[in-house]
């Protein structure tokens, strides 16, 4: 199972195994997931990891 690193609207970064409809580009990058730091449903977007 592939893990996806995401960021919630409050700036918390976490990884998840379930990022619903990741391939559906027409819906945009944001999805609703429960943030483990906020303990609420938040809009999250995938984080692009940069190599240094």
PDB file of N, CA and C in Angstrom:
ATOM      1  N   UNK A   1       0.833  -1.167   0.000  1.00  0.00           N
ATOM      2  CA  UNK A   1       0.000   0.000   0.000  1.00  0.00           C
ATOM      3  C   UNK A   1       0.891   1.247   0.000  1.00  0.00           C
ATOM      4  N   UNK A   2       0.605   2.175  -0.860  1.00  0.00           N
ATOM      5  CA  UNK A   2       1.410   3.379  -0.992  1.00  0.00           C
ATOM      6  C   UNK A   2       0.955   4.442   0.007  1.00  0.00           C
ATOM      7  N   UNK A   3       1.928   5.087   0.645  1.00  0.00           N
ATOM      8  CA  UNK A   3       1.621   6.154   1.598  1.00  0.00           C
ATOM      9  C   UNK A   3       1.759   7.497   0.900  1.00  0.00           C
ATOM     10  N   UNK A   4       0.891   8.430   1.259  1.00  0.00           N
ATOM     11  CA  UNK A   4       0.906   9.771   0.699  1.00  0.00           C
ATOM     12  C   UNK A   4       1.130  10.764   1.829  1.00  0.00           C
ATOM     13  N   UNK A   5       2.079  11.677   1.639  1.00  0.00           N
ATOM     14  CA  UNK A   5       2.330  12.735   2.622  1.00  0.00           C
ATOM     15  C   UNK A   5       1.425  13.903   2.267  1.00  0.00           C
ATOM     16  N   UNK A   6       0.649  14.376   3.259  1.00  0.00           N
ATOM     17  CA  UNK A   6      -0.329  15.440   3.029  1.00  0.00           C
ATOM     18  C   UNK A   6      -0.169  16.534   4.076  1.00  0.00           C
ATOM     19  N   UNK A   7      -0.745  17.722   3.777  1.00  0.00           N
ATOM     20  CA  UNK A   7      -0.729  18.853   4.702  1.00  0.00           C
ATOM     21  C   UNK A   7      -2.161  19.339   4.878  1.00  0.00           C
ATOM     22  N   UNK A   8      -2.592  19.535   6.139  1.00  0.00           N
ATOM     23  CA  UNK A   8      -3.941  20.043   6.396  1.00  0.00           C
ATOM     24  C   UNK A   8      -3.933  21.567   6.317  1.00  0.00           C
ATOM     25  N   UNK A   9      -5.103  22.189   6.377  1.00  0.00           N
ATOM     26  CA  UNK A   9      -5.210  23.643   6.246  1.00  0.00           C
ATOM     27  C   UNK A   9      -4.543  24.383   7.403  1.00  0.00           C
ATOM     28  N   UNK A  10      -4.336  23.715   8.536  1.00  0.00           N
ATOM     29  CA  UNK A  10      -3.640  24.338   9.660  1.00  0.00           C
ATOM     30  C   UNK A  10      -2.132  24.182   9.565  1.00  0.00           C
ATOM     31  N   UNK A  11      -1.639  23.495   8.513  1.00  0.00           N
ATOM     32  CA  UNK A  11      -0.204  23.351   8.298  1.00  0.00           C
ATOM     33  C   UNK A  11       0.411  22.085   8.855  1.00  0.00           C
ATOM     34  N   UNK A  12      -0.395  21.194   9.445  1.00  0.00           N
ATOM     35  CA  UNK A  12       0.137  19.949   9.987  1.00  0.00           C
ATOM     36  C   UNK A  12       0.431  18.978   8.839  1.00  0.00           C
ATOM     37  N   UNK A  13       1.615  18.375   8.868  1.00  0.00           N
ATOM     38  CA  UNK A  13       2.027  17.430   7.831  1.00  0.00           C
ATOM     39  C   UNK A  13       1.982  16.030   8.417  1.00  0.00           C
ATOM     40  N   UNK A  14       1.351  15.101   7.707  1.00  0.00           N
ATOM     41  CA  UNK A  14       1.265  13.710   8.143  1.00  0.00           C
ATOM     42  C   UNK A  14       1.137  12.819   6.929  1.00  0.00           C
ATOM     43  N   UNK A  15       1.313  11.522   7.124  1.00  0.00           N
ATOM     44  CA  UNK A  15       1.180  10.586   6.006  1.00  0.00           C
ATOM     45  C   UNK A  15      -0.061   9.741   6.204  1.00  0.00           C
ATOM     46  N   UNK A  16      -0.610   9.306   5.099  1.00  0.00           N
ATOM     47  CA  UNK A  16      -1.826   8.499   5.125  1.00  0.00           C
ATOM     48  C   UNK A  16      -1.755   7.432   4.043  1.00  0.00           C
ATOM     49  N   UNK A  17      -2.413   6.319   4.287  1.00  0.00           N
ATOM     50  CA  UNK A  17      -2.476   5.274   3.266  1.00  0.00           C
ATOM     51  C   UNK A  17      -3.711   5.431   2.401  1.00  0.00           C
ATOM     52  N   UNK A  18      -4.698   6.155   2.908  1.00  0.00           N
ATOM     53  CA  UNK A  18      -5.938   6.327   2.144  1.00  0.00           C
ATOM     54  C   UNK A  18      -6.099   7.784   1.745  1.00  0.00           C
ATOM     55  N   UNK A  19      -5.786   8.090   0.498  1.00  0.00           N
ATOM     56  CA  UNK A  19      -6.007   9.426  -0.049  1.00  0.00           C
ATOM     57  C   UNK A  19      -7.036   9.254  -1.149  1.00  0.00           C
ATOM     58  N   UNK A  20      -8.334   9.473  -0.852  1.00  0.00           N
ATOM     59  CA  UNK A  20      -9.418   9.129  -1.765  1.00  0.00           C
ATOM     60  C   UNK A  20      -9.290   9.758  -3.154  1.00  0.00           C
ATOM     61  N   UNK A  21      -9.511   8.957  -4.152  1.00  0.00           N
ATOM     62  CA  UNK A  21      -9.551   9.388  -5.556  1.00  0.00           C
ATOM     63  C   UNK A  21      -8.347  10.235  -5.928  1.00  0.00           C
ATOM     64  N   UNK A  22      -7.154   9.727  -5.640  1.00  0.00           N
ATOM     65  CA  UNK A  22      -5.922  10.457  -5.879  1.00  0.00           C
ATOM     66  C   UNK A  22      -5.703  10.740  -7.360  1.00  0.00           C
ATOM     67  N   UNK A  23      -6.202   9.887  -8.224  1.00  0.00           N
ATOM     68  CA  UNK A  23      -5.986  10.044  -9.659  1.00  0.00           C
ATOM     69  C   UNK A  23      -7.029  10.936 -10.326  1.00  0.00           C
ATOM     70  N   UNK A  24      -8.058  11.373  -9.591  1.00  0.00           N
ATOM     71  CA  UNK A  24      -9.125  12.193 -10.177  1.00  0.00           C
ATOM     72  C   UNK A  24      -8.691  13.653 -10.226  1.00  0.00           C
ATOM     73  N   UNK A  25      -8.030  14.054 -11.298  1.00  0.00           N
ATOM     74  CA  UNK A  25      -7.497  15.408 -11.417  1.00  0.00           C
ATOM     75  C   UNK A  25      -8.588  16.466 -11.563  1.00  0.00           C
ATOM     76  N   UNK A  26      -9.710  16.110 -12.114  1.00  0.00           N
ATOM     77  CA  UNK A  26     -10.758  17.107 -12.355  1.00  0.00           C
ATOM     78  C   UNK A  26     -11.390  17.619 -11.066  1.00  0.00           C
ATOM     79  N   UNK A  27     -11.201  16.894  -9.959  1.00  0.00           N
ATOM     80  CA  UNK A  27     -11.755  17.316  -8.671  1.00  0.00           C
ATOM     81  C   UNK A  27     -10.809  18.229  -7.905  1.00  0.00           C
ATOM     82  N   UNK A  28      -9.598  18.395  -8.396  1.00  0.00           N
ATOM     83  CA  UNK A  28      -8.610  19.212  -7.703  1.00  0.00           C
ATOM     84  C   UNK A  28      -7.820  18.385  -6.703  1.00  0.00           C
ATOM     85  N   UNK A  29      -6.787  18.975  -6.107  1.00  0.00           N
ATOM     86  CA  UNK A  29      -5.907  18.209  -5.228  1.00  0.00           C
ATOM     87  C   UNK A  29      -6.439  18.016  -3.805  1.00  0.00           C
ATOM     88  N   UNK A  30      -7.370  18.842  -3.338  1.00  0.00           N
ATOM     89  CA  UNK A  30      -7.832  18.788  -1.955  1.00  0.00           C
ATOM     90  C   UNK A  30      -8.805  17.665  -1.672  1.00  0.00           C
ATOM     91  N   UNK A  31      -8.702  17.084  -0.485  1.00  0.00           N
ATOM     92  CA  UNK A  31      -9.616  16.036  -0.028  1.00  0.00           C
ATOM     93  C   UNK A  31      -9.897  16.271   1.453  1.00  0.00           C
ATOM     94  N   UNK A  32     -10.963  15.691   1.962  1.00  0.00           N
ATOM     95  CA  UNK A  32     -11.281  15.763   3.386  1.00  0.00           C
ATOM     96  C   UNK A  32     -10.783  14.508   4.092  1.00  0.00           C
ATOM     97  N   UNK A  33      -9.912  14.697   5.060  1.00  0.00           N
ATOM     98  CA  UNK A  33      -9.405  13.601   5.888  1.00  0.00           C
ATOM     99  C   UNK A  33      -9.347  14.075   7.334  1.00  0.00           C
ATOM    100  N   UNK A  34      -9.304  13.120   8.249  1.00  0.00           N
ATOM    101  CA  UNK A  34      -9.178  13.472   9.659  1.00  0.00           C
ATOM    102  C   UNK A  34      -7.700  13.676   9.985  1.00  0.00           C
ATOM    103  N   UNK A  35      -7.352  14.882  10.427  1.00  0.00           N
ATOM    104  CA  UNK A  35      -5.982  15.213  10.793  1.00  0.00           C
ATOM    105  C   UNK A  35      -5.702  14.657  12.195  1.00  0.00           C
ATOM    106  N   UNK A  36      -4.613  13.919  12.377  1.00  0.00           N
ATOM    107  CA  UNK A  36      -4.315  13.371  13.709  1.00  0.00           C
ATOM    108  C   UNK A  36      -3.927  14.445  14.726  1.00  0.00           C
ATOM    109  N   UNK A  37      -3.443  15.592  14.282  1.00  0.00           N
ATOM    110  CA  UNK A  37      -3.057  16.671  15.196  1.00  0.00           C
ATOM    111  C   UNK A  37      -4.265  17.509  15.597  1.00  0.00           C
ATOM    112  N   UNK A  38      -5.146  17.831  14.632  1.00  0.00           N
ATOM    113  CA  UNK A  38      -6.338  18.651  14.915  1.00  0.00           C
ATOM    114  C   UNK A  38      -7.475  17.815  15.492  1.00  0.00           C
ATOM    115  N   UNK A  39      -7.491  16.531  15.166  1.00  0.00           N
ATOM    116  CA  UNK A  39      -8.567  15.604  15.530  1.00  0.00           C
ATOM    117  C   UNK A  39      -9.899  16.032  14.927  1.00  0.00           C
ATOM    118  N   UNK A  40      -9.837  16.668  13.747  1.00  0.00           N
ATOM    119  CA  UNK A  40     -11.048  17.092  13.032  1.00  0.00           C
ATOM    120  C   UNK A  40     -10.899  16.776  11.552  1.00  0.00           C
ATOM    121  N   UNK A  41     -12.024  16.758  10.862  1.00  0.00           N
ATOM    122  CA  UNK A  41     -11.975  16.623   9.407  1.00  0.00           C
ATOM    123  C   UNK A  41     -11.437  17.925   8.836  1.00  0.00           C
ATOM    124  N   UNK A  42     -10.402  17.824   8.054  1.00  0.00           N
ATOM    125  CA  UNK A  42      -9.770  18.996   7.459  1.00  0.00           C
ATOM    126  C   UNK A  42      -9.547  18.758   5.973  1.00  0.00           C
ATOM    127  N   UNK A  43      -9.489  19.840   5.233  1.00  0.00           N
ATOM    128  CA  UNK A  43      -9.121  19.760   3.831  1.00  0.00           C
ATOM    129  C   UNK A  43      -7.609  19.562   3.782  1.00  0.00           C
ATOM    130  N   UNK A  44      -7.152  18.550   3.052  1.00  0.00           N
ATOM    131  CA  UNK A  44      -5.725  18.266   2.939  1.00  0.00           C
ATOM    132  C   UNK A  44      -5.321  18.231   1.475  1.00  0.00           C
ATOM    133  N   UNK A  45      -4.060  18.538   1.216  1.00  0.00           N
ATOM    134  CA  UNK A  45      -3.491  18.473  -0.128  1.00  0.00           C
ATOM    135  C   UNK A  45      -2.193  17.685  -0.048  1.00  0.00           C
ATOM    136  N   UNK A  46      -1.835  16.986  -1.125  1.00  0.00           N
ATOM    137  CA  UNK A  46      -0.564  16.236  -1.121  1.00  0.00           C
ATOM    138  C   UNK A  46       0.629  17.197  -1.066  1.00  0.00           C
ATOM    139  N   UNK A  47       1.670  16.782  -0.382  1.00  0.00           N
ATOM    140  CA  UNK A  47       2.898  17.570  -0.257  1.00  0.00           C
ATOM    141  C   UNK A  47       3.881  17.055  -1.295  1.00  0.00           C
ATOM    142  N   UNK A  48       4.494  17.979  -2.021  1.00  0.00           N
ATOM    143  CA  UNK A  48       5.534  17.578  -2.968  1.00  0.00           C
ATOM    144  C   UNK A  48       6.867  17.612  -2.229  1.00  0.00           C
ATOM    145  N   UNK A  49       7.525  16.471  -2.191  1.00  0.00           N
ATOM    146  CA  UNK A  49       8.805  16.366  -1.495  1.00  0.00           C
ATOM    147  C   UNK A  49       9.922  16.772  -2.432  1.00  0.00           C
ATOM    148  N   UNK A  50      10.803  17.637  -1.947  1.00  0.00           N
ATOM    149  CA  UNK A  50      11.912  18.115  -2.760  1.00  0.00           C
ATOM    150  C   UNK A  50      13.196  17.485  -2.288  1.00  0.00           C
ATOM    151  N   UNK A  51      14.000  17.012  -3.232  1.00  0.00           N
ATOM    152  CA  UNK A  51      15.308  16.447  -2.887  1.00  0.00           C
ATOM    153  C   UNK A  51      16.315  17.578  -2.803  1.00  0.00           C
ATOM    154  N   UNK A  52      17.170  17.501  -1.786  1.00  0.00           N
ATOM    155  CA  UNK A  52      18.177  18.558  -1.607  1.00  0.00           C
ATOM    156  C   UNK A  52      19.558  18.031  -1.851  1.00  0.00           C
TER     157      UNK A  52
END
